[in-house]
Amino acid sequence: MANSENSRKMNAIVMHEYGNSDVLKYEEVNVPEIKADEILIRVEYASVNPYDWKIREGYAKSYLQLRLPAILGIDAAGTVEEVGDKVNKFKAGDKVFCRADFTRGGSYAEYIAVGERQVAHAPRSVPLRETAGLPVVAGTAWSALFEVANLRRGQRVLITGASGGVGSVAVQLAKNAGAYVIGTTSGKNTDFVKSLGADEVVDYTTGNFSERIDPVDVVFDTVGGDTLAKSYELVKKGGVLVTSAGQPDDELAHKHGISAKGLMVSTDGKRLEEIAALVDAGKLHIHVDKEYPLSDIKAAHDFSQSGRARGKIIVRVQ
């Protein structure tokens, strides 16, 4: 049934204009109404992804139809509050996680309305605090490695930014798939990346990392910029470079005889169920670097923009 209590209020982070983290305002707004095929979720935890602050600063204005004022936030984990008449897979009280549709209303809010197909039951073996860090990073890493690069057992894969949110999950997924995994990170995070299963870890701060890595079948770049530019020469002829942090250079790819591809990610409930199964099987772990209350979202965004996060930044909503 649709939410009939139109006057119900909730706390949320509202963006009225594009800009730095100061544009994020802690406000009281209406609880969203749900449609027949939607679920109202009481959000307990969200997380911060670089995409959030890139949207906030206006980088995606050319292709993202975002109506202001808007509530950002993609990752969400919480409890089903109410379901629409056509929803049959979930019921009130279920613990769930999802990718919120921030054009509909993002996860920096106490409640979100999400289509049933976008929601999955939360892993049973970890708390919702960790679960909230899964949807974007796990969906991105999965798409890059298996849908775009078609990574196979026995192949060599290089993951740049291996200690970050996406990179740390990609290392685990690639290792689970039987690949030989090489990760780049700063020296202080070397042991962390090794603990995720990397066979080799290269400290990019001690010189040109591309001179210390033998050719690989697949590069998954999560850094962009100069790191991405140096990665083309590391891919074997016929291999694949995938980036989640920039635009592929077709000229460079042709020069090296490789495929270079960007990444579009759409993680639905079915994919999240597969990810939850990996978590419950002990094959995938989310490392939480820092946790912030919803009211301190500015600090969470600023820390994400610093590029120093190891794993995920979690937001405690309620």
Protein backbone atom coordinates (compact mmCIF):
# COMPACT_ATOMS: atom_id res chain seq x y z
CA MET A 1 0.00 0.00 0.00
CA ALA A 2 1.14 3.52 -0.61
CA ASN A 3 2.28 5.61 2.30
CA SER A 4 -0.77 7.60 3.33
CA GLU A 5 0.91 9.63 6.05
CA ASN A 6 1.97 12.52 3.87
CA SER A 7 2.95 14.61 6.87
CA ARG A 8 5.53 12.17 8.22
CA LYS A 9 8.91 13.83 8.58
CA MET A 10 12.49 12.59 8.53
CA ASN A 11 15.99 13.99 8.75
CA ALA A 12 18.03 14.09 5.57
CA ILE A 13 21.01 15.78 3.95
CA VAL A 14 19.70 18.10 1.26
CA MET A 15 21.70 19.74 -1.52
CA HIS A 16 20.09 22.93 -2.89
CA GLU A 17 22.96 23.90 -5.19
CA TYR A 18 26.21 22.49 -6.57
CA GLY A 19 29.46 23.25 -4.78
CA ASN A 20 31.81 22.15 -1.98
CA SER A 21 30.71 20.19 1.08
CA ASP A 22 29.15 23.33 2.59
CA VAL A 23 26.15 22.90 0.26
CA LEU A 24 25.10 19.76 2.18
CA LYS A 25 22.40 20.81 4.66
CA TYR A 26 20.93 18.74 7.52
CA GLU A 27 17.17 19.33 7.19
CA GLU A 28 13.76 17.93 7.98
CA VAL A 29 11.83 16.73 4.91
CA ASN A 30 8.85 14.53 4.09
CA VAL A 31 9.15 10.76 4.23
CA PRO A 32 8.80 9.54 0.60
CA GLU A 33 5.63 7.84 -0.52
CA ILE A 34 6.00 4.43 -2.16
CA LYS A 35 4.45 3.11 -5.34
CA ALA A 36 2.90 -0.35 -5.67
CA ASP A 37 6.21 -1.97 -6.71
CA GLU A 38 8.38 -0.13 -4.19
CA ILE A 39 9.70 -0.65 -0.69
CA LEU A 40 10.08 1.95 2.05
CA ILE A 41 13.37 1.28 3.83
CA ARG A 42 14.35 2.70 7.20
CA VAL A 43 18.00 3.47 6.47
CA GLU A 44 20.35 2.60 9.31
CA TYR A 45 23.66 3.03 7.48
CA ALA A 46 24.78 4.57 4.20
CA SER A 47 28.25 5.11 2.79
CA VAL A 48 30.19 7.75 0.89
CA ASN A 49 31.47 7.04 -2.61
CA PRO A 50 33.61 9.40 -4.73
CA TYR A 51 30.68 9.56 -7.15
CA ASP A 52 28.68 11.35 -4.43
CA TRP A 53 30.97 14.34 -4.14
CA LYS A 54 31.62 14.43 -7.88
CA ILE A 55 27.88 14.83 -8.38
CA ARG A 56 27.80 17.43 -5.59
CA GLU A 57 30.48 19.48 -7.36
CA GLY A 58 28.59 19.30 -10.67
CA TYR A 59 30.86 16.98 -12.68
CA ALA A 60 27.88 14.88 -13.83
CA LYS A 61 25.53 17.74 -14.76
CA SER A 62 25.91 17.11 -18.49
CA TYR A 63 24.38 13.62 -18.34
CA LEU A 64 22.68 13.28 -14.95
CA GLN A 65 19.20 14.70 -14.75
CA LEU A 66 19.23 15.72 -11.09
CA ARG A 67 16.47 18.01 -9.86
CA LEU A 68 17.46 20.32 -7.04
CA PRO A 69 16.98 20.28 -4.14
CA ALA A 70 18.28 16.70 -4.03
CA ILE A 71 19.31 14.06 -1.50
CA LEU A 72 22.55 12.30 -2.44
CA GLY A 73 23.79 8.86 -1.38
CA ILE A 74 23.70 5.54 -3.25
CA ASP A 75 24.56 2.78 -0.75
CA ALA A 76 21.95 1.89 1.86
CA ALA A 77 21.39 -0.81 4.46
CA GLY A 78 18.45 -0.95 6.83
CA THR A 79 15.06 -2.43 7.66
CA VAL A 80 11.95 -2.71 5.51
CA GLU A 81 9.35 -0.34 6.94
CA GLU A 82 6.56 -0.81 4.41
CA VAL A 83 5.96 -2.57 1.08
CA GLY A 84 3.74 -1.74 -1.90
CA ASP A 85 0.83 -3.91 -2.99
CA LYS A 86 2.82 -5.59 -5.78
CA VAL A 87 5.85 -6.45 -3.62
CA ASN A 88 6.02 -10.13 -2.65
CA LYS A 89 9.68 -10.86 -1.93
CA PHE A 90 10.05 -8.62 1.12
CA LYS A 91 8.06 -7.83 4.24
CA ALA A 92 8.22 -5.31 7.05
CA GLY A 93 11.11 -6.07 9.39
CA ASP A 94 13.41 -7.64 6.78
CA LYS A 95 17.06 -6.54 6.88
CA VAL A 96 18.01 -5.38 3.39
CA PHE A 97 20.55 -3.45 1.34
CA CYS A 98 20.39 -1.71 -2.01
CA ARG A 99 21.59 0.97 -4.38
CA ALA A 100 19.32 3.95 -3.83
CA ASP A 101 18.08 5.94 -6.80
CA PHE A 102 19.16 9.43 -5.77
CA THR A 103 17.15 10.96 -8.61
CA ARG A 104 14.23 9.56 -6.58
CA GLY A 105 15.81 10.31 -3.18
CA GLY A 106 19.22 9.13 -1.98
CA SER A 107 20.40 7.29 1.11
CA TYR A 108 21.56 10.32 3.11
CA ALA A 109 18.12 10.16 4.69
CA GLU A 110 16.27 8.23 7.38
CA TYR A 111 13.93 6.65 4.80
CA ILE A 112 14.19 5.84 1.10
CA ALA A 113 11.74 4.47 -1.46
CA VAL A 114 13.28 1.86 -3.77
CA GLY A 115 11.93 -0.48 -6.45
CA GLU A 116 11.69 -4.12 -5.33
CA ARG A 117 14.05 -5.27 -8.08
CA GLN A 118 16.85 -3.11 -6.68
CA VAL A 119 16.74 -4.59 -3.17
CA ALA A 120 18.33 -7.72 -1.66
CA HIS A 121 18.26 -9.37 1.73
CA ALA A 122 21.31 -8.33 3.74
CA PRO A 123 24.10 -10.83 4.43
CA ARG A 124 23.44 -12.67 7.68
CA SER A 125 27.06 -12.89 8.81
CA VAL A 126 27.99 -9.21 9.07
CA PRO A 127 26.34 -6.16 10.64
CA LEU A 128 24.44 -3.62 8.56
CA ARG A 129 27.27 -1.18 9.22
CA GLU A 130 29.51 -3.22 6.91
CA THR A 131 26.73 -4.19 4.53
CA ALA A 132 26.14 -0.52 3.71
CA GLY A 133 29.58 -0.37 2.14
CA LEU A 134 28.88 -3.12 -0.39
CA PRO A 135 26.53 -2.09 -3.22
CA VAL A 136 28.56 0.44 -5.21
CA VAL A 137 32.06 -0.93 -4.71
CA ALA A 138 31.18 -4.60 -5.10
CA GLY A 139 28.92 -3.91 -8.07
CA THR A 140 31.61 -1.80 -9.75
CA ALA A 141 34.39 -4.33 -9.17
CA TRP A 142 32.21 -7.23 -10.34
CA SER A 143 31.16 -5.44 -13.54
CA ALA A 144 34.73 -4.39 -14.37
CA LEU A 145 36.36 -7.76 -13.79
CA PHE A 146 33.77 -10.22 -15.04
CA GLU A 147 31.36 -8.40 -17.35
CA VAL A 148 33.76 -6.03 -19.12
CA ALA A 149 37.21 -7.67 -18.82
CA ASN A 150 35.95 -11.29 -18.71
CA LEU A 151 38.65 -12.16 -16.18
CA ARG A 152 39.39 -15.90 -16.07
CA ARG A 153 41.22 -18.30 -13.77
CA GLY A 154 44.98 -18.19 -14.22
CA GLN A 155 45.10 -14.73 -15.76
CA ARG A 156 47.23 -11.91 -14.38
CA VAL A 157 45.34 -8.80 -13.29
CA LEU A 158 46.61 -5.44 -12.09
CA ILE A 159 44.33 -3.42 -9.81
CA THR A 160 45.37 0.18 -9.24
CA GLY A 161 44.26 1.89 -6.05
CA ALA A 162 44.01 -1.53 -4.42
CA SER A 163 43.44 -0.21 -0.89
CA GLY A 164 40.44 1.96 -1.80
CA GLY A 165 36.79 0.99 -1.64
CA VAL A 166 36.47 -0.45 -5.14
CA GLY A 167 40.07 -1.66 -5.33
CA SER A 168 39.97 -3.58 -2.06
CA VAL A 169 36.87 -5.49 -3.19
CA ALA A 170 38.32 -6.07 -6.67
CA VAL A 171 41.41 -7.73 -5.16
CA GLN A 172 39.20 -10.17 -3.26
CA LEU A 173 36.91 -10.94 -6.21
CA ALA A 174 39.83 -11.48 -8.57
CA LYS A 175 41.58 -13.78 -6.10
CA ASN A 176 38.35 -15.74 -5.57
CA ALA A 177 38.20 -16.21 -9.35
CA GLY A 178 41.65 -17.81 -9.40
CA ALA A 179 43.56 -14.90 -10.96
CA TYR A 180 47.10 -13.81 -10.11
CA VAL A 181 46.49 -10.44 -8.48
CA ILE A 182 48.82 -7.44 -8.42
CA GLY A 183 47.79 -4.29 -6.57
CA THR A 184 49.23 -0.78 -6.38
CA THR A 185 48.97 1.27 -3.21
CA SER A 186 51.07 3.47 -0.93
CA GLY A 187 53.64 1.82 1.33
CA LYS A 188 51.56 2.18 4.49
CA ASN A 189 48.78 0.08 2.95
CA THR A 190 50.96 -2.73 1.60
CA ASP A 191 50.16 -5.19 4.39
CA PHE A 192 46.46 -4.39 4.13
CA VAL A 193 46.36 -5.18 0.40
CA LYS A 194 48.33 -8.38 0.97
CA SER A 195 45.80 -9.41 3.62
CA LEU A 196 43.07 -9.13 0.98
CA GLY A 197 44.80 -11.80 -1.09
CA ALA A 198 47.06 -9.89 -3.48
CA ASP A 199 49.98 -11.95 -4.81
CA GLU A 200 52.08 -8.84 -5.41
CA VAL A 201 51.80 -5.32 -4.01
CA VAL A 202 53.64 -2.40 -5.61
CA ASP A 203 54.21 0.87 -3.74
CA TYR A 204 53.51 3.60 -6.29
CA THR A 205 55.18 6.25 -4.08
CA THR A 206 58.68 4.80 -4.55
CA GLY A 207 59.06 5.33 -8.29
CA ASN A 208 57.34 4.54 -11.57
CA PHE A 209 55.15 1.54 -10.75
CA SER A 210 54.86 0.58 -14.42
CA GLU A 211 58.57 -0.25 -14.54
CA ARG A 212 58.19 -2.85 -11.78
CA ILE A 213 55.29 -4.90 -13.12
CA ASP A 214 55.44 -7.59 -15.78
CA PRO A 215 52.72 -7.52 -18.45
CA VAL A 216 49.22 -8.55 -17.37
CA ASP A 217 46.09 -9.81 -19.13
CA VAL A 218 43.81 -7.29 -17.44
CA VAL A 219 44.22 -3.90 -15.80
CA PHE A 220 41.42 -2.55 -13.66
CA ASP A 221 42.19 1.11 -12.97
CA THR A 222 40.39 2.85 -10.11
CA VAL A 223 42.71 5.88 -9.93
CA GLY A 224 42.70 7.64 -13.31
CA GLY A 225 45.04 10.43 -14.39
CA ASP A 226 48.74 9.58 -14.71
CA THR A 227 48.16 6.12 -13.22
CA LEU A 228 45.71 5.29 -15.98
CA ALA A 229 48.05 6.69 -18.66
CA LYS A 230 50.92 4.48 -17.47
CA SER A 231 48.74 1.36 -17.35
CA TYR A 232 48.27 0.90 -21.11
CA GLU A 233 51.84 -0.32 -21.60
CA LEU A 234 51.37 -3.00 -18.95
CA VAL A 235 48.60 -4.89 -20.77
CA LYS A 236 49.58 -7.80 -23.00
CA LYS A 237 48.57 -7.54 -26.66
CA GLY A 238 44.95 -8.60 -26.94
CA GLY A 239 44.36 -7.82 -23.28
CA VAL A 240 41.87 -5.48 -21.65
CA LEU A 241 42.14 -2.26 -19.66
CA VAL A 242 39.04 -1.16 -17.74
CA THR A 243 38.83 2.14 -15.88
CA SER A 244 36.26 3.40 -13.41
CA ALA A 245 38.12 6.69 -12.97
CA GLY A 246 38.42 8.29 -16.38
CA GLN A 247 37.84 8.05 -20.10
CA PRO A 248 39.69 5.36 -22.04
CA ASP A 249 42.16 6.59 -24.69
CA ASP A 250 41.37 4.73 -27.93
CA GLU A 251 44.59 5.96 -29.58
CA LEU A 252 46.78 4.61 -26.81
CA ALA A 253 44.83 1.36 -26.75
CA HIS A 254 45.29 0.90 -30.51
CA LYS A 255 49.00 1.69 -30.20
CA HIS A 256 49.44 -1.11 -27.65
CA GLY A 257 47.09 -3.56 -29.36
CA ILE A 258 44.64 -3.78 -26.47
CA SER A 259 41.02 -2.99 -25.65
CA ALA A 260 40.35 -0.03 -23.35
CA LYS A 261 36.89 0.37 -21.89
CA GLY A 262 35.03 2.64 -19.51
CA LEU A 263 32.53 1.34 -17.02
CA MET A 264 28.80 1.73 -16.56
CA VAL A 265 27.50 -0.07 -13.49
CA SER A 266 23.92 -1.10 -12.78
CA THR A 267 23.72 -3.32 -9.72
CA ASP A 268 20.27 -4.81 -9.16
CA GLY A 269 18.91 -6.97 -6.37
CA LYS A 270 19.92 -10.19 -8.10
CA ARG A 271 23.56 -9.12 -8.26
CA LEU A 272 23.43 -7.98 -4.63
CA GLU A 273 22.14 -11.42 -3.63
CA GLU A 274 25.23 -12.97 -5.25
CA ILE A 275 27.43 -10.50 -3.40
CA ALA A 276 25.68 -11.26 -0.10
CA ALA A 277 26.30 -14.98 -0.67
CA LEU A 278 30.04 -14.31 -1.08
CA VAL A 279 30.05 -12.35 2.18
CA ASP A 280 28.24 -15.13 4.06
CA ALA A 281 30.66 -17.68 2.60
CA GLY A 282 33.57 -15.69 4.05
CA LYS A 283 34.94 -14.83 0.59
CA LEU A 284 34.32 -11.09 0.65
CA HIS A 285 34.92 -8.56 3.41
CA ILE A 286 34.31 -4.83 3.64
CA HIS A 287 36.88 -2.84 5.60
CA VAL A 288 35.42 0.21 7.33
CA ASP A 289 37.96 3.02 7.62
CA LYS A 290 35.83 5.68 9.32
CA GLU A 291 32.26 6.15 10.44
CA TYR A 292 30.45 9.49 10.65
CA PRO A 293 26.97 10.40 11.88
CA LEU A 294 24.60 11.70 9.22
CA SER A 295 24.80 15.18 10.75
CA ASP A 296 28.56 15.23 10.01
CA ILE A 297 28.28 14.34 6.32
CA LYS A 298 30.46 17.32 5.36
CA ALA A 299 33.45 15.77 7.14
CA ALA A 300 32.73 12.42 5.52
CA HIS A 301 32.77 14.00 2.05
CA ASP A 302 35.94 15.94 2.82
CA PHE A 303 37.71 12.77 3.95
CA SER A 304 36.60 10.93 0.81
CA GLN A 305 37.94 13.77 -1.35
CA SER A 306 41.30 13.59 0.44
CA GLY A 307 41.93 10.23 -1.23
CA ARG A 308 43.27 8.76 2.01
CA ALA A 309 40.44 6.33 2.78
CA ARG A 310 41.36 2.68 3.22
CA GLY A 311 38.27 0.69 2.32
CA LYS A 312 34.93 2.37 3.03
CA ILE A 313 33.59 5.49 4.70
CA ILE A 314 30.34 4.65 6.51
CA VAL A 315 27.54 7.03 7.51
CA ARG A 316 25.44 6.20 10.56
CA VAL A 317 21.95 7.42 9.71
CA GLN A 318 20.02 6.37 12.84
